[in-house]
Amino acid sequence: MSYMSMLSCQPMSFETIFANMAIEQSKEVLGL
């Protein structure tokens, strides 16, 4: 929350982007 409060933007996340790409391409997402 501290870092999100300092940024002058609504930050993005690569993890969320890749998860959405996987859904679009019908790929399974798993966790290490």
Full PDB file with SEQRES, HELIX, SHEET, SSBOND, CRYST1, ORIGX, SCALE, CONECT and MASTER records, all heavy atoms in Angstrom:
SEQRES   1 A   32  MET SER TYR MET SER MET LEU SER CYS GLN PRO MET SER          
SEQRES   2 A   32  PHE GLU THR ILE PHE ALA ASN MET ALA ILE GLU GLN SER          
SEQRES   3 A   32  LYS GLU VAL LEU GLY LEU                                      
HELIX    1 AA1 SER A    2  MET A    6  1                                   5    
HELIX    2 AA2 PHE A   14  GLU A   24  1                                  11    
CRYST1    1.000    1.000    1.000  90.00  90.00  90.00 P 1           1          
ORIGX1      1.000000  0.000000  0.000000        0.00000                         
ORIGX2      0.000000  1.000000  0.000000        0.00000                         
ORIGX3      0.000000  0.000000  1.000000        0.00000                         
SCALE1      1.000000  0.000000  0.000000        0.00000                         
SCALE2      0.000000  1.000000  0.000000        0.00000                         
SCALE3      0.000000  0.000000  1.000000        0.00000                         
ATOM      1  N   MET A   1       0.829  -1.206   0.000  1.00  0.00           N  
ATOM      2  CA  MET A   1       0.000   0.000   0.000  1.00  0.00           C  
ATOM      3  C   MET A   1       0.864   1.257   0.000  1.00  0.00           C  
ATOM      4  O   MET A   1       0.513   2.263  -0.621  1.00  0.00           O  
ATOM      5  CB  MET A   1      -0.921  -0.006   1.213  1.00  0.00           C  
ATOM      6  CG  MET A   1      -1.974  -1.083   1.184  1.00  0.00           C  
ATOM      7  SD  MET A   1      -2.985  -1.080   2.680  1.00  0.00           S  
ATOM      8  CE  MET A   1      -3.965  -2.567   2.408  1.00  0.00           C  
ATOM      9  N   SER A   2       2.014   1.192   0.685  1.00  0.00           N  
ATOM     10  CA  SER A   2       2.916   2.348   0.729  1.00  0.00           C  
ATOM     11  C   SER A   2       3.397   2.706  -0.665  1.00  0.00           C  
ATOM     12  O   SER A   2       3.384   3.874  -1.065  1.00  0.00           O  
ATOM     13  CB  SER A   2       4.120   2.046   1.626  1.00  0.00           C  
ATOM     14  OG  SER A   2       3.731   1.810   2.961  1.00  0.00           O  
ATOM     15  N   TYR A   3       3.818   1.708  -1.423  1.00  0.00           N  
ATOM     16  CA  TYR A   3       4.313   1.991  -2.767  1.00  0.00           C  
ATOM     17  C   TYR A   3       3.197   2.418  -3.704  1.00  0.00           C  
ATOM     18  O   TYR A   3       3.369   3.308  -4.535  1.00  0.00           O  
ATOM     19  CB  TYR A   3       5.077   0.786  -3.319  1.00  0.00           C  
ATOM     20  CG  TYR A   3       6.553   0.954  -3.081  1.00  0.00           C  
ATOM     21  CD1 TYR A   3       7.102   0.566  -1.869  1.00  0.00           C  
ATOM     22  CD2 TYR A   3       7.372   1.554  -4.014  1.00  0.00           C  
ATOM     23  CE1 TYR A   3       8.450   0.753  -1.616  1.00  0.00           C  
ATOM     24  CE2 TYR A   3       8.713   1.748  -3.787  1.00  0.00           C  
ATOM     25  CZ  TYR A   3       9.255   1.346  -2.576  1.00  0.00           C  
ATOM     26  OH  TYR A   3      10.585   1.549  -2.317  1.00  0.00           O  
ATOM     27  N   MET A   4       2.058   1.799  -3.581  1.00  0.00           N  
ATOM     28  CA  MET A   4       0.948   2.201  -4.440  1.00  0.00           C  
ATOM     29  C   MET A   4       0.517   3.632  -4.119  1.00  0.00           C  
ATOM     30  O   MET A   4       0.082   4.371  -5.003  1.00  0.00           O  
ATOM     31  CB  MET A   4      -0.214   1.226  -4.269  1.00  0.00           C  
ATOM     32  CG  MET A   4       0.110  -0.161  -4.816  1.00  0.00           C  
ATOM     33  SD  MET A   4      -1.255  -1.340  -4.728  1.00  0.00           S  
ATOM     34  CE  MET A   4      -2.307  -0.699  -6.016  1.00  0.00           C  
ATOM     35  N   SER A   5       0.668   4.037  -2.835  1.00  0.00           N  
ATOM     36  CA  SER A   5       0.297   5.404  -2.464  1.00  0.00           C  
ATOM     37  C   SER A   5       1.304   6.417  -3.003  1.00  0.00           C  
ATOM     38  O   SER A   5       0.963   7.572  -3.236  1.00  0.00           O  
ATOM     39  CB  SER A   5       0.194   5.526  -0.946  1.00  0.00           C  
ATOM     40  OG  SER A   5       1.468   5.527  -0.328  1.00  0.00           O  
ATOM     41  N   MET A   6       2.558   5.985  -3.207  1.00  0.00           N  
ATOM     42  CA  MET A   6       3.584   6.909  -3.678  1.00  0.00           C  
ATOM     43  C   MET A   6       3.539   7.115  -5.185  1.00  0.00           C  
ATOM     44  O   MET A   6       3.979   8.139  -5.692  1.00  0.00           O  
ATOM     45  CB  MET A   6       4.969   6.389  -3.271  1.00  0.00           C  
ATOM     46  CG  MET A   6       5.294   6.582  -1.801  1.00  0.00           C  
ATOM     47  SD  MET A   6       7.032   6.222  -1.416  1.00  0.00           S  
ATOM     48  CE  MET A   6       7.046   4.435  -1.461  1.00  0.00           C  
ATOM     49  N   LEU A   7       3.036   6.137  -5.926  1.00  0.00           N  
ATOM     50  CA  LEU A   7       3.036   6.224  -7.378  1.00  0.00           C  
ATOM     51  C   LEU A   7       1.925   7.134  -7.871  1.00  0.00           C  
ATOM     52  O   LEU A   7       0.813   7.143  -7.337  1.00  0.00           O  
ATOM     53  CB  LEU A   7       2.875   4.830  -7.988  1.00  0.00           C  
ATOM     54  CG  LEU A   7       3.983   3.832  -7.674  1.00  0.00           C  
ATOM     55  CD1 LEU A   7       3.652   2.478  -8.282  1.00  0.00           C  
ATOM     56  CD2 LEU A   7       5.331   4.323  -8.168  1.00  0.00           C  
ATOM     57  N   SER A   8       2.227   7.887  -8.907  1.00  0.00           N  
ATOM     58  CA  SER A   8       1.235   8.807  -9.477  1.00  0.00           C  
ATOM     59  C   SER A   8       0.500   8.132 -10.629  1.00  0.00           C  
ATOM     60  O   SER A   8       0.285   8.727 -11.682  1.00  0.00           O  
ATOM     61  CB  SER A   8       1.922  10.078  -9.971  1.00  0.00           C  
ATOM     62  OG  SER A   8       2.924   9.753 -10.926  1.00  0.00           O  
ATOM     63  N   CYS A   9       0.136   6.864 -10.436  1.00  0.00           N  
ATOM     64  CA  CYS A   9      -0.555   6.117 -11.473  1.00  0.00           C  
ATOM     65  C   CYS A   9      -1.289   4.949 -10.831  1.00  0.00           C  
ATOM     66  O   CYS A   9      -1.096   4.655  -9.648  1.00  0.00           O  
ATOM     67  CB  CYS A   9       0.441   5.574 -12.514  1.00  0.00           C  
ATOM     68  SG  CYS A   9       1.491   4.237 -11.863  1.00  0.00           S  
ATOM     69  N   GLN A  10      -2.127   4.292 -11.625  1.00  0.00           N  
ATOM     70  CA  GLN A  10      -2.713   3.023 -11.215  1.00  0.00           C  
ATOM     71  C   GLN A  10      -1.808   1.939 -11.779  1.00  0.00           C  
ATOM     72  O   GLN A  10      -1.831   1.666 -12.971  1.00  0.00           O  
ATOM     73  CB  GLN A  10      -4.136   2.881 -11.764  1.00  0.00           C  
ATOM     74  CG  GLN A  10      -4.829   1.592 -11.350  1.00  0.00           C  
ATOM     75  CD  GLN A  10      -5.006   1.457  -9.854  1.00  0.00           C  
ATOM     76  OE1 GLN A  10      -5.374   2.406  -9.181  1.00  0.00           O  
ATOM     77  NE2 GLN A  10      -4.720   0.285  -9.324  1.00  0.00           N  
ATOM     78  N   PRO A  11      -0.949   1.335 -10.941  1.00  0.00           N  
ATOM     79  CA  PRO A  11       0.075   0.432 -11.478  1.00  0.00           C  
ATOM     80  C   PRO A  11      -0.495  -0.833 -12.097  1.00  0.00           C  
ATOM     81  O   PRO A  11      -1.576  -1.299 -11.744  1.00  0.00           O  
ATOM     82  CB  PRO A  11       0.942   0.112 -10.252  1.00  0.00           C  
ATOM     83  CG  PRO A  11       0.043   0.337  -9.078  1.00  0.00           C  
ATOM     84  CD  PRO A  11      -0.866   1.453  -9.476  1.00  0.00           C  
ATOM     85  N   MET A  12       0.277  -1.376 -13.024  1.00  0.00           N  
ATOM     86  CA  MET A  12      -0.056  -2.621 -13.694  1.00  0.00           C  
ATOM     87  C   MET A  12       0.794  -3.735 -13.118  1.00  0.00           C  
ATOM     88  O   MET A  12       1.799  -3.501 -12.457  1.00  0.00           O  
ATOM     89  CB  MET A  12       0.197  -2.492 -15.202  1.00  0.00           C  
ATOM     90  CG  MET A  12      -0.572  -1.378 -15.866  1.00  0.00           C  
ATOM     91  SD  MET A  12      -0.023  -1.107 -17.580  1.00  0.00           S  
ATOM     92  CE  MET A  12      -0.422  -2.687 -18.335  1.00  0.00           C  
ATOM     93  N   SER A  13       0.424  -4.978 -13.420  1.00  0.00           N  
ATOM     94  CA  SER A  13       1.150  -6.154 -12.955  1.00  0.00           C  
ATOM     95  C   SER A  13       1.365  -7.108 -14.120  1.00  0.00           C  
ATOM     96  O   SER A  13       0.413  -7.507 -14.801  1.00  0.00           O  
ATOM     97  CB  SER A  13       0.366  -6.855 -11.841  1.00  0.00           C  
ATOM     98  OG  SER A  13       0.794  -8.180 -11.663  1.00  0.00           O  
ATOM     99  N   PHE A  14       2.617  -7.490 -14.362  1.00  0.00           N  
ATOM    100  CA  PHE A  14       2.908  -8.461 -15.413  1.00  0.00           C  
ATOM    101  C   PHE A  14       2.213  -9.790 -15.141  1.00  0.00           C  
ATOM    102  O   PHE A  14       1.772 -10.480 -16.066  1.00  0.00           O  
ATOM    103  CB  PHE A  14       4.412  -8.694 -15.532  1.00  0.00           C  
ATOM    104  CG  PHE A  14       5.110  -7.752 -16.470  1.00  0.00           C  
ATOM    105  CD1 PHE A  14       5.773  -6.644 -15.992  1.00  0.00           C  
ATOM    106  CD2 PHE A  14       5.094  -7.972 -17.837  1.00  0.00           C  
ATOM    107  CE1 PHE A  14       6.426  -5.768 -16.850  1.00  0.00           C  
ATOM    108  CE2 PHE A  14       5.736  -7.114 -18.715  1.00  0.00           C  
ATOM    109  CZ  PHE A  14       6.408  -5.996 -18.210  1.00  0.00           C  
ATOM    110  N   GLU A  15       2.127 -10.160 -13.858  1.00  0.00           N  
ATOM    111  CA  GLU A  15       1.511 -11.433 -13.518  1.00  0.00           C  
ATOM    112  C   GLU A  15       0.049 -11.475 -13.967  1.00  0.00           C  
ATOM    113  O   GLU A  15      -0.416 -12.477 -14.533  1.00  0.00           O  
ATOM    114  CB  GLU A  15       1.617 -11.671 -12.011  1.00  0.00           C  
ATOM    115  CG  GLU A  15       3.001 -12.056 -11.536  1.00  0.00           C  
ATOM    116  CD  GLU A  15       3.984 -10.892 -11.496  1.00  0.00           C  
ATOM    117  OE1 GLU A  15       3.544  -9.721 -11.589  1.00  0.00           O  
ATOM    118  OE2 GLU A  15       5.191 -11.138 -11.377  1.00  0.00           O  
ATOM    119  N   THR A  16      -0.675 -10.397 -13.724  1.00  0.00           N  
ATOM    120  CA  THR A  16      -2.072 -10.329 -14.151  1.00  0.00           C  
ATOM    121  C   THR A  16      -2.183 -10.353 -15.668  1.00  0.00           C  
ATOM    122  O   THR A  16      -3.055 -11.019 -16.238  1.00  0.00           O  
ATOM    123  CB  THR A  16      -2.738  -9.056 -13.598  1.00  0.00           C  
ATOM    124  OG1 THR A  16      -2.663  -9.072 -12.168  1.00  0.00           O  
ATOM    125  CG2 THR A  16      -4.202  -8.982 -14.025  1.00  0.00           C  
ATOM    126  N   ILE A  17      -1.270  -9.651 -16.332  1.00  0.00           N  
ATOM    127  CA  ILE A  17      -1.267  -9.626 -17.795  1.00  0.00           C  
ATOM    128  C   ILE A  17      -1.030 -11.018 -18.359  1.00  0.00           C  
ATOM    129  O   ILE A  17      -1.739 -11.482 -19.265  1.00  0.00           O  
ATOM    130  CB  ILE A  17      -0.204  -8.640 -18.308  1.00  0.00           C  
ATOM    131  CG1 ILE A  17      -0.605  -7.206 -17.947  1.00  0.00           C  
ATOM    132  CG2 ILE A  17      -0.009  -8.793 -19.824  1.00  0.00           C  
ATOM    133  CD1 ILE A  17       0.500  -6.192 -18.143  1.00  0.00           C  
ATOM    134  N   PHE A  18      -0.040 -11.731 -17.813  1.00  0.00           N  
ATOM    135  CA  PHE A  18       0.248 -13.077 -18.306  1.00  0.00           C  
ATOM    136  C   PHE A  18      -0.903 -14.036 -18.001  1.00  0.00           C  
ATOM    137  O   PHE A  18      -1.211 -14.927 -18.810  1.00  0.00           O  
ATOM    138  CB  PHE A  18       1.552 -13.598 -17.700  1.00  0.00           C  
ATOM    139  CG  PHE A  18       2.783 -12.989 -18.296  1.00  0.00           C  
ATOM    140  CD1 PHE A  18       3.811 -12.529 -17.489  1.00  0.00           C  
ATOM    141  CD2 PHE A  18       2.928 -12.893 -19.678  1.00  0.00           C  
ATOM    142  CE1 PHE A  18       4.960 -11.973 -18.041  1.00  0.00           C  
ATOM    143  CE2 PHE A  18       4.064 -12.330 -20.236  1.00  0.00           C  
ATOM    144  CZ  PHE A  18       5.087 -11.874 -19.408  1.00  0.00           C  
ATOM    145  N   ALA A  19      -1.521 -13.880 -16.843  1.00  0.00           N  
ATOM    146  CA  ALA A  19      -2.664 -14.737 -16.505  1.00  0.00           C  
ATOM    147  C   ALA A  19      -3.792 -14.521 -17.507  1.00  0.00           C  
ATOM    148  O   ALA A  19      -4.446 -15.478 -17.956  1.00  0.00           O  
ATOM    149  CB  ALA A  19      -3.137 -14.456 -15.086  1.00  0.00           C  
ATOM    150  N   ASN A  20      -4.035 -13.270 -17.888  1.00  0.00           N  
ATOM    151  CA  ASN A  20      -5.089 -12.974 -18.864  1.00  0.00           C  
ATOM    152  C   ASN A  20      -4.716 -13.492 -20.252  1.00  0.00           C  
ATOM    153  O   ASN A  20      -5.575 -14.000 -20.989  1.00  0.00           O  
ATOM    154  CB  ASN A  20      -5.348 -11.468 -18.915  1.00  0.00           C  
ATOM    155  CG  ASN A  20      -6.032 -10.951 -17.668  1.00  0.00           C  
ATOM    156  OD1 ASN A  20      -6.718 -11.694 -16.971  1.00  0.00           O  
ATOM    157  ND2 ASN A  20      -5.859  -9.680 -17.368  1.00  0.00           N  
ATOM    158  N   MET A  21      -3.443 -13.382 -20.621  1.00  0.00           N  
ATOM    159  CA  MET A  21      -2.997 -13.921 -21.906  1.00  0.00           C  
ATOM    160  C   MET A  21      -3.192 -15.434 -21.949  1.00  0.00           C  
ATOM    161  O   MET A  21      -3.572 -15.997 -22.983  1.00  0.00           O  
ATOM    162  CB  MET A  21      -1.523 -13.573 -22.134  1.00  0.00           C  
ATOM    163  CG  MET A  21      -1.271 -12.109 -22.462  1.00  0.00           C  
ATOM    164  SD  MET A  21       0.508 -11.661 -22.480  1.00  0.00           S  
ATOM    165  CE  MET A  21       1.146 -12.769 -23.762  1.00  0.00           C  
ATOM    166  N   ALA A  22      -2.934 -16.086 -20.826  1.00  0.00           N  
ATOM    167  CA  ALA A  22      -3.098 -17.538 -20.767  1.00  0.00           C  
ATOM    168  C   ALA A  22      -4.557 -17.932 -20.973  1.00  0.00           C  
ATOM    169  O   ALA A  22      -4.865 -18.909 -21.669  1.00  0.00           O  
ATOM    170  CB  ALA A  22      -2.594 -18.060 -19.425  1.00  0.00           C  
ATOM    171  N   ILE A  23      -5.458 -17.171 -20.381  1.00  0.00           N  
ATOM    172  CA  ILE A  23      -6.891 -17.439 -20.560  1.00  0.00           C  
ATOM    173  C   ILE A  23      -7.265 -17.298 -22.038  1.00  0.00           C  
ATOM    174  O   ILE A  23      -7.959 -18.145 -22.611  1.00  0.00           O  
ATOM    175  CB  ILE A  23      -7.727 -16.489 -19.691  1.00  0.00           C  
ATOM    176  CG1 ILE A  23      -7.521 -16.820 -18.202  1.00  0.00           C  
ATOM    177  CG2 ILE A  23      -9.211 -16.591 -20.054  1.00  0.00           C  
ATOM    178  CD1 ILE A  23      -8.175 -15.826 -17.268  1.00  0.00           C  
ATOM    179  N   GLU A  24      -6.781 -16.220 -22.662  1.00  0.00           N  
ATOM    180  CA  GLU A  24      -7.095 -15.973 -24.071  1.00  0.00           C  
ATOM    181  C   GLU A  24      -6.559 -17.090 -24.970  1.00  0.00           C  
ATOM    182  O   GLU A  24      -7.157 -17.406 -26.002  1.00  0.00           O  
ATOM    183  CB  GLU A  24      -6.498 -14.630 -24.499  1.00  0.00           C  
ATOM    184  CG  GLU A  24      -7.152 -13.420 -23.821  1.00  0.00           C  
ATOM    185  CD  GLU A  24      -6.388 -12.137 -24.097  1.00  0.00           C  
ATOM    186  OE1 GLU A  24      -5.353 -12.199 -24.802  1.00  0.00           O  
ATOM    187  OE2 GLU A  24      -6.816 -11.074 -23.600  1.00  0.00           O  
ATOM    188  N   GLN A  25      -5.426 -17.685 -24.585  1.00  0.00           N  
ATOM    189  CA  GLN A  25      -4.802 -18.719 -25.402  1.00  0.00           C  
ATOM    190  C   GLN A  25      -5.075 -20.135 -24.887  1.00  0.00           C  
ATOM    191  O   GLN A  25      -4.468 -21.098 -25.353  1.00  0.00           O  
ATOM    192  CB  GLN A  25      -3.284 -18.471 -25.467  1.00  0.00           C  
ATOM    193  CG  GLN A  25      -2.917 -17.145 -26.108  1.00  0.00           C  
ATOM    194  CD  GLN A  25      -1.408 -16.902 -26.151  1.00  0.00           C  
ATOM    195  OE1 GLN A  25      -0.615 -17.846 -26.184  1.00  0.00           O  
ATOM    196  NE2 GLN A  25      -1.023 -15.635 -26.168  1.00  0.00           N  
ATOM    197  N   SER A  26      -5.994 -20.232 -23.940  1.00  0.00           N  
ATOM    198  CA  SER A  26      -6.393 -21.537 -23.379  1.00  0.00           C  
ATOM    199  C   SER A  26      -5.209 -22.318 -22.820  1.00  0.00           C  
ATOM    200  O   SER A  26      -5.076 -23.528 -23.026  1.00  0.00           O  
ATOM    201  CB  SER A  26      -7.121 -22.371 -24.451  1.00  0.00           C  
ATOM    202  OG  SER A  26      -8.280 -21.708 -24.906  1.00  0.00           O  
ATOM    203  N   LYS A  27      -4.337 -21.605 -22.128  1.00  0.00           N  
ATOM    204  CA  LYS A  27      -3.195 -22.241 -21.483  1.00  0.00           C  
ATOM    205  C   LYS A  27      -3.447 -22.314 -19.979  1.00  0.00           C  
ATOM    206  O   LYS A  27      -4.016 -21.399 -19.388  1.00  0.00           O  
ATOM    207  CB  LYS A  27      -1.905 -21.452 -21.737  1.00  0.00           C  
ATOM    208  CG  LYS A  27      -1.506 -21.323 -23.198  1.00  0.00           C  
ATOM    209  CD  LYS A  27      -0.185 -20.576 -23.316  1.00  0.00           C  
ATOM    210  CE  LYS A  27       0.106 -20.191 -24.764  1.00  0.00           C  
ATOM    211  NZ  LYS A  27       0.314 -21.351 -25.643  1.00  0.00           N  
ATOM    212  N   GLU A  28      -2.975 -23.386 -19.370  1.00  0.00           N  
ATOM    213  CA  GLU A  28      -3.122 -23.532 -17.929  1.00  0.00           C  
ATOM    214  C   GLU A  28      -2.076 -22.682 -17.212  1.00  0.00           C  
ATOM    215  O   GLU A  28      -0.917 -22.617 -17.620  1.00  0.00           O  
ATOM    216  CB  GLU A  28      -2.961 -24.994 -17.511  1.00  0.00           C  
ATOM    217  CG  GLU A  28      -3.215 -25.224 -16.023  1.00  0.00           C  
ATOM    218  CD  GLU A  28      -3.177 -26.688 -15.640  1.00  0.00           C  
ATOM    219  OE1 GLU A  28      -2.733 -27.510 -16.468  1.00  0.00           O  
ATOM    220  OE2 GLU A  28      -3.596 -27.011 -14.520  1.00  0.00           O  
ATOM    221  N   VAL A  29      -2.496 -22.020 -16.142  1.00  0.00           N  
ATOM    222  CA  VAL A  29      -1.587 -21.249 -15.290  1.00  0.00           C  
ATOM    223  C   VAL A  29      -1.396 -22.004 -13.984  1.00  0.00           C  
ATOM    224  O   VAL A  29      -2.368 -22.391 -13.332  1.00  0.00           O  
ATOM    225  CB  VAL A  29      -2.140 -19.835 -14.995  1.00  0.00           C  
ATOM    226  CG1 VAL A  29      -1.205 -19.102 -14.029  1.00  0.00           C  
ATOM    227  CG2 VAL A  29      -2.302 -19.040 -16.277  1.00  0.00           C  
ATOM    228  N   LEU A  30      -0.132 -22.198 -13.605  1.00  0.00           N  
ATOM    229  CA  LEU A  30       0.193 -22.893 -12.372  1.00  0.00           C  
ATOM    230  C   LEU A  30       1.170 -22.054 -11.558  1.00  0.00           C  
ATOM    231  O   LEU A  30       1.732 -21.072 -12.059  1.00  0.00           O  
ATOM    232  CB  LEU A  30       0.795 -24.270 -12.682  1.00  0.00           C  
ATOM    233  CG  LEU A  30      -0.138 -25.227 -13.440  1.00  0.00           C  
ATOM    234  CD1 LEU A  30       0.654 -26.376 -14.047  1.00  0.00           C  
ATOM    235  CD2 LEU A  30      -1.226 -25.749 -12.520  1.00  0.00           C  
ATOM    236  N   GLY A  31       1.385 -22.438 -10.305  1.00  0.00           N  
ATOM    237  CA  GLY A  31       2.258 -21.671  -9.433  1.00  0.00           C  
ATOM    238  C   GLY A  31       3.457 -22.468  -8.950  1.00  0.00           C  
ATOM    239  O   GLY A  31       3.324 -23.645  -8.600  1.00  0.00           O  
ATOM    240  N   LEU A  32       4.624 -21.831  -8.927  1.00  0.00           N  
ATOM    241  CA  LEU A  32       5.813 -22.463  -8.379  1.00  0.00           C  
ATOM    242  C   LEU A  32       5.714 -22.615  -6.866  1.00  0.00           C  
ATOM    243  O   LEU A  32       6.368 -23.472  -6.280  1.00  0.00           O  
ATOM    244  CB  LEU A  32       7.055 -21.638  -8.731  1.00  0.00           C  
ATOM    245  CG  LEU A  32       7.508 -21.685 -10.197  1.00  0.00           C  
ATOM    246  CD1 LEU A  32       8.510 -20.573 -10.471  1.00  0.00           C  
ATOM    247  CD2 LEU A  32       8.131 -23.040 -10.519  1.00  0.00           C  
TER     248      LEU A  32                                                      
MASTER        0    0    0    2    0    0    0    6  247    1    0    3          
END                                                                             
